[in-house]
Amino acid sequence: MPEKQFAAMTWHLSTHHLTPTQVGELAKRGGVGRVVITHIVPGELKSADKDRYLQEIGRNYVGPAVIADDLDRF
């Protein structure tokens, strides 16, 4: 990826997306009953990556959390 494009992507991801830790913090502050992740960067994750992502959310949020797949219903 060209350096200019990489810089733009880095800016976009850091200003328009949350880390798993930030998701957990926001869910805790918001007092939500469940977290459903519907838009993940870099896209499709392997099972181990999903587990790690959910563990990071769980550091701050103790409720149920799930990473949704296409066509899931909640």
PDB file of N, CA and C in Angstrom:
ATOM      1  N   MET A   1       0.855  -1.171   0.000  1.00  0.00           N
ATOM      2  CA  MET A   1       0.000   0.000   0.000  1.00  0.00           C
ATOM      3  C   MET A   1       0.903   1.236   0.000  1.00  0.00           C
ATOM      4  N   PRO A   2       0.642   2.185  -0.874  1.00  0.00           N
ATOM      5  CA  PRO A   2       1.434   3.417  -0.889  1.00  0.00           C
ATOM      6  C   PRO A   2       1.342   4.155   0.444  1.00  0.00           C
ATOM      7  N   GLU A   3       2.411   4.856   0.801  1.00  0.00           N
ATOM      8  CA  GLU A   3       2.498   5.523   2.096  1.00  0.00           C
ATOM      9  C   GLU A   3       1.332   6.501   2.332  1.00  0.00           C
ATOM     10  N   LYS A   4       0.963   7.264   1.331  1.00  0.00           N
ATOM     11  CA  LYS A   4      -0.141   8.230   1.479  1.00  0.00           C
ATOM     12  C   LYS A   4      -1.461   7.503   1.761  1.00  0.00           C
ATOM     13  N   GLN A   5      -1.714   6.420   1.063  1.00  0.00           N
ATOM     14  CA  GLN A   5      -2.930   5.640   1.269  1.00  0.00           C
ATOM     15  C   GLN A   5      -2.910   4.988   2.653  1.00  0.00           C
ATOM     16  N   PHE A   6      -1.747   4.479   3.067  1.00  0.00           N
ATOM     17  CA  PHE A   6      -1.606   3.879   4.386  1.00  0.00           C
ATOM     18  C   PHE A   6      -1.895   4.909   5.477  1.00  0.00           C
ATOM     19  N   ALA A   7      -1.383   6.116   5.318  1.00  0.00           N
ATOM     20  CA  ALA A   7      -1.623   7.185   6.293  1.00  0.00           C
ATOM     21  C   ALA A   7      -3.105   7.523   6.375  1.00  0.00           C
ATOM     22  N   ALA A   8      -3.773   7.585   5.228  1.00  0.00           N
ATOM     23  CA  ALA A   8      -5.210   7.882   5.214  1.00  0.00           C
ATOM     24  C   ALA A   8      -6.001   6.761   5.883  1.00  0.00           C
ATOM     25  N   MET A   9      -5.629   5.511   5.634  1.00  0.00           N
ATOM     26  CA  MET A   9      -6.319   4.376   6.244  1.00  0.00           C
ATOM     27  C   MET A   9      -6.087   4.362   7.755  1.00  0.00           C
ATOM     28  N   THR A  10      -4.868   4.630   8.176  1.00  0.00           N
ATOM     29  CA  THR A  10      -4.552   4.678   9.603  1.00  0.00           C
ATOM     30  C   THR A  10      -5.376   5.765  10.285  1.00  0.00           C
ATOM     31  N   TRP A  11      -5.465   6.927   9.677  1.00  0.00           N
ATOM     32  CA  TRP A  11      -6.271   8.022  10.234  1.00  0.00           C
ATOM     33  C   TRP A  11      -7.730   7.599  10.331  1.00  0.00           C
ATOM     34  N   HIS A  12      -8.264   7.033   9.268  1.00  0.00           N
ATOM     35  CA  HIS A  12      -9.673   6.616   9.262  1.00  0.00           C
ATOM     36  C   HIS A  12      -9.948   5.605  10.374  1.00  0.00           C
ATOM     37  N   LEU A  13      -9.119   4.594  10.477  1.00  0.00           N
ATOM     38  CA  LEU A  13      -9.347   3.548  11.478  1.00  0.00           C
ATOM     39  C   LEU A  13      -9.245   4.095  12.896  1.00  0.00           C
ATOM     40  N   SER A  14      -8.326   5.002  13.130  1.00  0.00           N
ATOM     41  CA  SER A  14      -8.139   5.526  14.484  1.00  0.00           C
ATOM     42  C   SER A  14      -9.180   6.570  14.873  1.00  0.00           C
ATOM     43  N   THR A  15      -9.868   7.150  13.915  1.00  0.00           N
ATOM     44  CA  THR A  15     -10.868   8.180  14.229  1.00  0.00           C
ATOM     45  C   THR A  15     -12.308   7.722  14.044  1.00  0.00           C
ATOM     46  N   HIS A  16     -12.524   6.608  13.343  1.00  0.00           N
ATOM     47  CA  HIS A  16     -13.879   6.161  13.046  1.00  0.00           C
ATOM     48  C   HIS A  16     -14.193   4.744  13.509  1.00  0.00           C
ATOM     49  N   HIS A  17     -13.261   4.099  14.173  1.00  0.00           N
ATOM     50  CA  HIS A  17     -13.449   2.742  14.655  1.00  0.00           C
ATOM     51  C   HIS A  17     -12.945   2.642  16.086  1.00  0.00           C
ATOM     52  N   LEU A  18     -13.497   1.709  16.840  1.00  0.00           N
ATOM     53  CA  LEU A  18     -13.092   1.498  18.227  1.00  0.00           C
ATOM     54  C   LEU A  18     -12.252   0.236  18.348  1.00  0.00           C
ATOM     55  N   THR A  19     -11.311   0.252  19.266  1.00  0.00           N
ATOM     56  CA  THR A  19     -10.587  -0.968  19.596  1.00  0.00           C
ATOM     57  C   THR A  19     -11.502  -1.829  20.456  1.00  0.00           C
ATOM     58  N   PRO A  20     -11.222  -3.119  20.607  1.00  0.00           N
ATOM     59  CA  PRO A  20     -12.037  -3.947  21.492  1.00  0.00           C
ATOM     60  C   PRO A  20     -12.075  -3.398  22.921  1.00  0.00           C
ATOM     61  N   THR A  21     -10.963  -2.890  23.395  1.00  0.00           N
ATOM     62  CA  THR A  21     -10.928  -2.309  24.737  1.00  0.00           C
ATOM     63  C   THR A  21     -11.872  -1.121  24.827  1.00  0.00           C
ATOM     64  N   GLN A  22     -11.869  -0.266  23.818  1.00  0.00           N
ATOM     65  CA  GLN A  22     -12.768   0.889  23.806  1.00  0.00           C
ATOM     66  C   GLN A  22     -14.232   0.457  23.738  1.00  0.00           C
ATOM     67  N   VAL A  23     -14.517  -0.614  22.998  1.00  0.00           N
ATOM     68  CA  VAL A  23     -15.883  -1.142  22.939  1.00  0.00           C
ATOM     69  C   VAL A  23     -16.337  -1.544  24.343  1.00  0.00           C
ATOM     70  N   GLY A  24     -15.487  -2.274  25.054  1.00  0.00           N
ATOM     71  CA  GLY A  24     -15.822  -2.702  26.412  1.00  0.00           C
ATOM     72  C   GLY A  24     -16.038  -1.527  27.350  1.00  0.00           C
ATOM     73  N   GLU A  25     -15.165  -0.527  27.263  1.00  0.00           N
ATOM     74  CA  GLU A  25     -15.308   0.659  28.107  1.00  0.00           C
ATOM     75  C   GLU A  25     -16.618   1.386  27.811  1.00  0.00           C
ATOM     76  N   LEU A  26     -16.936   1.569  26.540  1.00  0.00           N
ATOM     77  CA  LEU A  26     -18.162   2.261  26.152  1.00  0.00           C
ATOM     78  C   LEU A  26     -19.398   1.488  26.597  1.00  0.00           C
ATOM     79  N   ALA A  27     -19.384   0.171  26.423  1.00  0.00           N
ATOM     80  CA  ALA A  27     -20.518  -0.662  26.839  1.00  0.00           C
ATOM     81  C   ALA A  27     -20.728  -0.578  28.344  1.00  0.00           C
ATOM     82  N   LYS A  28     -19.640  -0.595  29.097  1.00  0.00           N
ATOM     83  CA  LYS A  28     -19.743  -0.489  30.553  1.00  0.00           C
ATOM     84  C   LYS A  28     -20.332   0.858  30.952  1.00  0.00           C
ATOM     85  N   ARG A  29     -19.786   1.929  30.388  1.00  0.00           N
ATOM     86  CA  ARG A  29     -20.299   3.280  30.714  1.00  0.00           C
ATOM     87  C   ARG A  29     -21.753   3.439  30.313  1.00  0.00           C
ATOM     88  N   GLY A  30     -22.128   2.802  29.192  1.00  0.00           N
ATOM     89  CA  GLY A  30     -23.494   2.936  28.696  1.00  0.00           C
ATOM     90  C   GLY A  30     -24.486   2.027  29.401  1.00  0.00           C
ATOM     91  N   GLY A  31     -23.988   1.077  30.197  1.00  0.00           N
ATOM     92  CA  GLY A  31     -24.883   0.169  30.908  1.00  0.00           C
ATOM     93  C   GLY A  31     -25.700  -0.709  29.978  1.00  0.00           C
ATOM     94  N   VAL A  32     -25.116  -1.105  28.861  1.00  0.00           N
ATOM     95  CA  VAL A  32     -25.866  -1.900  27.886  1.00  0.00           C
ATOM     96  C   VAL A  32     -26.047  -3.338  28.369  1.00  0.00           C
ATOM     97  N   GLY A  33     -27.048  -4.005  27.844  1.00  0.00           N
ATOM     98  CA  GLY A  33     -27.326  -5.378  28.230  1.00  0.00           C
ATOM     99  C   GLY A  33     -26.581  -6.407  27.404  1.00  0.00           C
ATOM    100  N   ARG A  34     -26.119  -6.013  26.217  1.00  0.00           N
ATOM    101  CA  ARG A  34     -25.399  -6.939  25.329  1.00  0.00           C
ATOM    102  C   ARG A  34     -24.642  -6.121  24.293  1.00  0.00           C
ATOM    103  N   VAL A  35     -23.472  -6.635  23.919  1.00  0.00           N
ATOM    104  CA  VAL A  35     -22.679  -6.019  22.857  1.00  0.00           C
ATOM    105  C   VAL A  35     -22.719  -6.947  21.653  1.00  0.00           C
ATOM    106  N   VAL A  36     -23.082  -6.383  20.499  1.00  0.00           N
ATOM    107  CA  VAL A  36     -23.050  -7.130  19.245  1.00  0.00           C
ATOM    108  C   VAL A  36     -22.162  -6.349  18.286  1.00  0.00           C
ATOM    109  N   ILE A  37     -21.050  -6.951  17.925  1.00  0.00           N
ATOM    110  CA  ILE A  37     -20.113  -6.319  16.995  1.00  0.00           C
ATOM    111  C   ILE A  37     -20.549  -6.678  15.580  1.00  0.00           C
ATOM    112  N   THR A  38     -20.817  -5.648  14.770  1.00  0.00           N
ATOM    113  CA  THR A  38     -21.330  -5.898  13.418  1.00  0.00           C
ATOM    114  C   THR A  38     -20.416  -5.399  12.314  1.00  0.00           C
ATOM    115  N   HIS A  39     -19.389  -4.676  12.665  1.00  0.00           N
ATOM    116  CA  HIS A  39     -18.496  -4.123  11.638  1.00  0.00           C
ATOM    117  C   HIS A  39     -17.077  -4.233  12.165  1.00  0.00           C
ATOM    118  N   ILE A  40     -16.339  -5.178  11.651  1.00  0.00           N
ATOM    119  CA  ILE A  40     -14.996  -5.465  12.163  1.00  0.00           C
ATOM    120  C   ILE A  40     -13.946  -5.163  11.112  1.00  0.00           C
ATOM    121  N   VAL A  41     -12.884  -4.552  11.549  1.00  0.00           N
ATOM    122  CA  VAL A  41     -11.734  -4.322  10.682  1.00  0.00           C
ATOM    123  C   VAL A  41     -10.637  -5.229  11.205  1.00  0.00           C
ATOM    124  N   PRO A  42     -10.072  -6.078  10.417  1.00  0.00           N
ATOM    125  CA  PRO A  42      -9.937  -6.071   8.972  1.00  0.00           C
ATOM    126  C   PRO A  42     -10.945  -6.925   8.236  1.00  0.00           C
ATOM    127  N   GLY A  43     -12.068  -7.215   8.790  1.00  0.00           N
ATOM    128  CA  GLY A  43     -13.051  -8.041   8.097  1.00  0.00           C
ATOM    129  C   GLY A  43     -13.256  -9.352   8.816  1.00  0.00           C
ATOM    130  N   GLU A  44     -13.275 -10.416   8.054  1.00  0.00           N
ATOM    131  CA  GLU A  44     -13.517 -11.737   8.631  1.00  0.00           C
ATOM    132  C   GLU A  44     -12.363 -12.166   9.535  1.00  0.00           C
ATOM    133  N   LEU A  45     -12.703 -12.618  10.737  1.00  0.00           N
ATOM    134  CA  LEU A  45     -11.686 -13.041  11.695  1.00  0.00           C
ATOM    135  C   LEU A  45     -11.703 -14.547  11.871  1.00  0.00           C
ATOM    136  N   LYS A  46     -10.561 -15.104  12.190  1.00  0.00           N
ATOM    137  CA  LYS A  46     -10.473 -16.515  12.549  1.00  0.00           C
ATOM    138  C   LYS A  46     -11.009 -16.677  13.963  1.00  0.00           C
ATOM    139  N   SER A  47     -11.344 -17.892  14.330  1.00  0.00           N
ATOM    140  CA  SER A  47     -11.927 -18.174  15.638  1.00  0.00           C
ATOM    141  C   SER A  47     -11.048 -17.662  16.779  1.00  0.00           C
ATOM    142  N   ALA A  48      -9.757 -17.884  16.704  1.00  0.00           N
ATOM    143  CA  ALA A  48      -8.840 -17.427  17.764  1.00  0.00           C
ATOM    144  C   ALA A  48      -8.832 -15.909  17.857  1.00  0.00           C
ATOM    145  N   ASP A  49      -8.926 -15.234  16.709  1.00  0.00           N
ATOM    146  CA  ASP A  49      -8.968 -13.772  16.706  1.00  0.00           C
ATOM    147  C   ASP A  49     -10.258 -13.262  17.349  1.00  0.00           C
ATOM    148  N   LYS A  50     -11.372 -13.940  17.046  1.00  0.00           N
ATOM    149  CA  LYS A  50     -12.647 -13.559  17.659  1.00  0.00           C
ATOM    150  C   LYS A  50     -12.583 -13.729  19.170  1.00  0.00           C
ATOM    151  N   ASP A  51     -12.011 -14.843  19.622  1.00  0.00           N
ATOM    152  CA  ASP A  51     -11.879 -15.085  21.065  1.00  0.00           C
ATOM    153  C   ASP A  51     -11.057 -13.984  21.728  1.00  0.00           C
ATOM    154  N   ARG A  52      -9.946 -13.622  21.112  1.00  0.00           N
ATOM    155  CA  ARG A  52      -9.085 -12.571  21.662  1.00  0.00           C
ATOM    156  C   ARG A  52      -9.821 -11.233  21.690  1.00  0.00           C
ATOM    157  N   TYR A  53     -10.545 -10.926  20.633  1.00  0.00           N
ATOM    158  CA  TYR A  53     -11.318  -9.687  20.542  1.00  0.00           C
ATOM    159  C   TYR A  53     -12.347  -9.627  21.669  1.00  0.00           C
ATOM    160  N   LEU A  54     -13.071 -10.724  21.871  1.00  0.00           N
ATOM    161  CA  LEU A  54     -14.086 -10.766  22.924  1.00  0.00           C
ATOM    162  C   LEU A  54     -13.464 -10.703  24.320  1.00  0.00           C
ATOM    163  N   GLN A  55     -12.305 -11.304  24.486  1.00  0.00           N
ATOM    164  CA  GLN A  55     -11.615 -11.220  25.774  1.00  0.00           C
ATOM    165  C   GLN A  55     -11.222  -9.780  26.078  1.00  0.00           C
ATOM    166  N   GLU A  56     -10.772  -9.069  25.073  1.00  0.00           N
ATOM    167  CA  GLU A  56     -10.399  -7.672  25.270  1.00  0.00           C
ATOM    168  C   GLU A  56     -11.618  -6.831  25.640  1.00  0.00           C
ATOM    169  N   ILE A  57     -12.753  -7.086  25.018  1.00  0.00           N
ATOM    170  CA  ILE A  57     -13.987  -6.389  25.398  1.00  0.00           C
ATOM    171  C   ILE A  57     -14.313  -6.696  26.852  1.00  0.00           C
ATOM    172  N   GLY A  58     -14.154  -7.969  27.238  1.00  0.00           N
ATOM    173  CA  GLY A  58     -14.496  -8.432  28.575  1.00  0.00           C
ATOM    174  C   GLY A  58     -13.624  -7.892  29.688  1.00  0.00           C
ATOM    175  N   ARG A  59     -12.523  -7.260  29.363  1.00  0.00           N
ATOM    176  CA  ARG A  59     -11.696  -6.645  30.408  1.00  0.00           C
ATOM    177  C   ARG A  59     -12.442  -5.515  31.115  1.00  0.00           C
ATOM    178  N   ASN A  60     -13.370  -4.884  30.414  1.00  0.00           N
ATOM    179  CA  ASN A  60     -14.110  -3.768  30.978  1.00  0.00           C
ATOM    180  C   ASN A  60     -15.610  -4.014  31.069  1.00  0.00           C
ATOM    181  N   TYR A  61     -16.123  -4.873  30.233  1.00  0.00           N
ATOM    182  CA  TYR A  61     -17.560  -5.136  30.156  1.00  0.00           C
ATOM    183  C   TYR A  61     -17.826  -6.583  30.538  1.00  0.00           C
ATOM    184  N   VAL A  62     -18.680  -6.795  31.536  1.00  0.00           N
ATOM    185  CA  VAL A  62     -18.900  -8.159  32.038  1.00  0.00           C
ATOM    186  C   VAL A  62     -20.146  -8.832  31.446  1.00  0.00           C
ATOM    187  N   GLY A  63     -20.891  -8.150  30.619  1.00  0.00           N
ATOM    188  CA  GLY A  63     -22.098  -8.739  30.042  1.00  0.00           C
ATOM    189  C   GLY A  63     -21.791  -9.568  28.804  1.00  0.00           C
ATOM    190  N   PRO A  64     -22.841 -10.100  28.183  1.00  0.00           N
ATOM    191  CA  PRO A  64     -22.648 -10.909  26.986  1.00  0.00           C
ATOM    192  C   PRO A  64     -22.172 -10.070  25.798  1.00  0.00           C
ATOM    193  N   ALA A  65     -21.279 -10.647  25.012  1.00  0.00           N
ATOM    194  CA  ALA A  65     -20.767  -9.979  23.811  1.00  0.00           C
ATOM    195  C   ALA A  65     -20.606 -11.026  22.721  1.00  0.00           C
ATOM    196  N   VAL A  66     -20.898 -10.629  21.504  1.00  0.00           N
ATOM    197  CA  VAL A  66     -20.810 -11.548  20.369  1.00  0.00           C
ATOM    198  C   VAL A  66     -20.342 -10.768  19.145  1.00  0.00           C
ATOM    199  N   ILE A  67     -19.619 -11.458  18.290  1.00  0.00           N
ATOM    200  CA  ILE A  67     -19.246 -10.897  16.993  1.00  0.00           C
ATOM    201  C   ILE A  67     -20.195 -11.500  15.973  1.00  0.00           C
ATOM    202  N   ALA A  68     -21.008 -10.661  15.383  1.00  0.00           N
ATOM    203  CA  ALA A  68     -22.053 -11.138  14.489  1.00  0.00           C
ATOM    204  C   ALA A  68     -21.478 -11.575  13.144  1.00  0.00           C
ATOM    205  N   ASP A  69     -22.153 -12.545  12.551  1.00  0.00           N
ATOM    206  CA  ASP A  69     -21.882 -12.981  11.182  1.00  0.00           C
ATOM    207  C   ASP A  69     -22.990 -12.453  10.291  1.00  0.00           C
ATOM    208  N   ASP A  70     -22.729 -12.389   9.010  1.00  0.00           N
ATOM    209  CA  ASP A  70     -23.765 -11.956   8.076  1.00  0.00           C
ATOM    210  C   ASP A  70     -25.044 -12.755   8.290  1.00  0.00           C
ATOM    211  N   LEU A  71     -26.165 -12.071   8.275  1.00  0.00           N
ATOM    212  CA  LEU A  71     -27.505 -12.617   8.385  1.00  0.00           C
ATOM    213  C   LEU A  71     -27.881 -13.070   9.802  1.00  0.00           C
ATOM    214  N   ASP A  72     -26.993 -12.876  10.806  1.00  0.00           N
ATOM    215  CA  ASP A  72     -27.376 -13.177  12.189  1.00  0.00           C
ATOM    216  C   ASP A  72     -28.551 -12.271  12.584  1.00  0.00           C
ATOM    217  N   ARG A  73     -29.373 -12.781  13.485  1.00  0.00           N
ATOM    218  CA  ARG A  73     -30.507 -12.003  14.010  1.00  0.00           C
ATOM    219  C   ARG A  73     -30.427 -12.027  15.534  1.00  0.00           C
ATOM    220  N   PHE A  74     -30.720 -10.866  16.133  1.00  0.00           N
ATOM    221  CA  PHE A  74     -30.649 -10.737  17.583  1.00  0.00           C
ATOM    222  C   PHE A  74     -31.913 -10.092  18.111  1.00  0.00           C
TER     223      PHE A  74
END
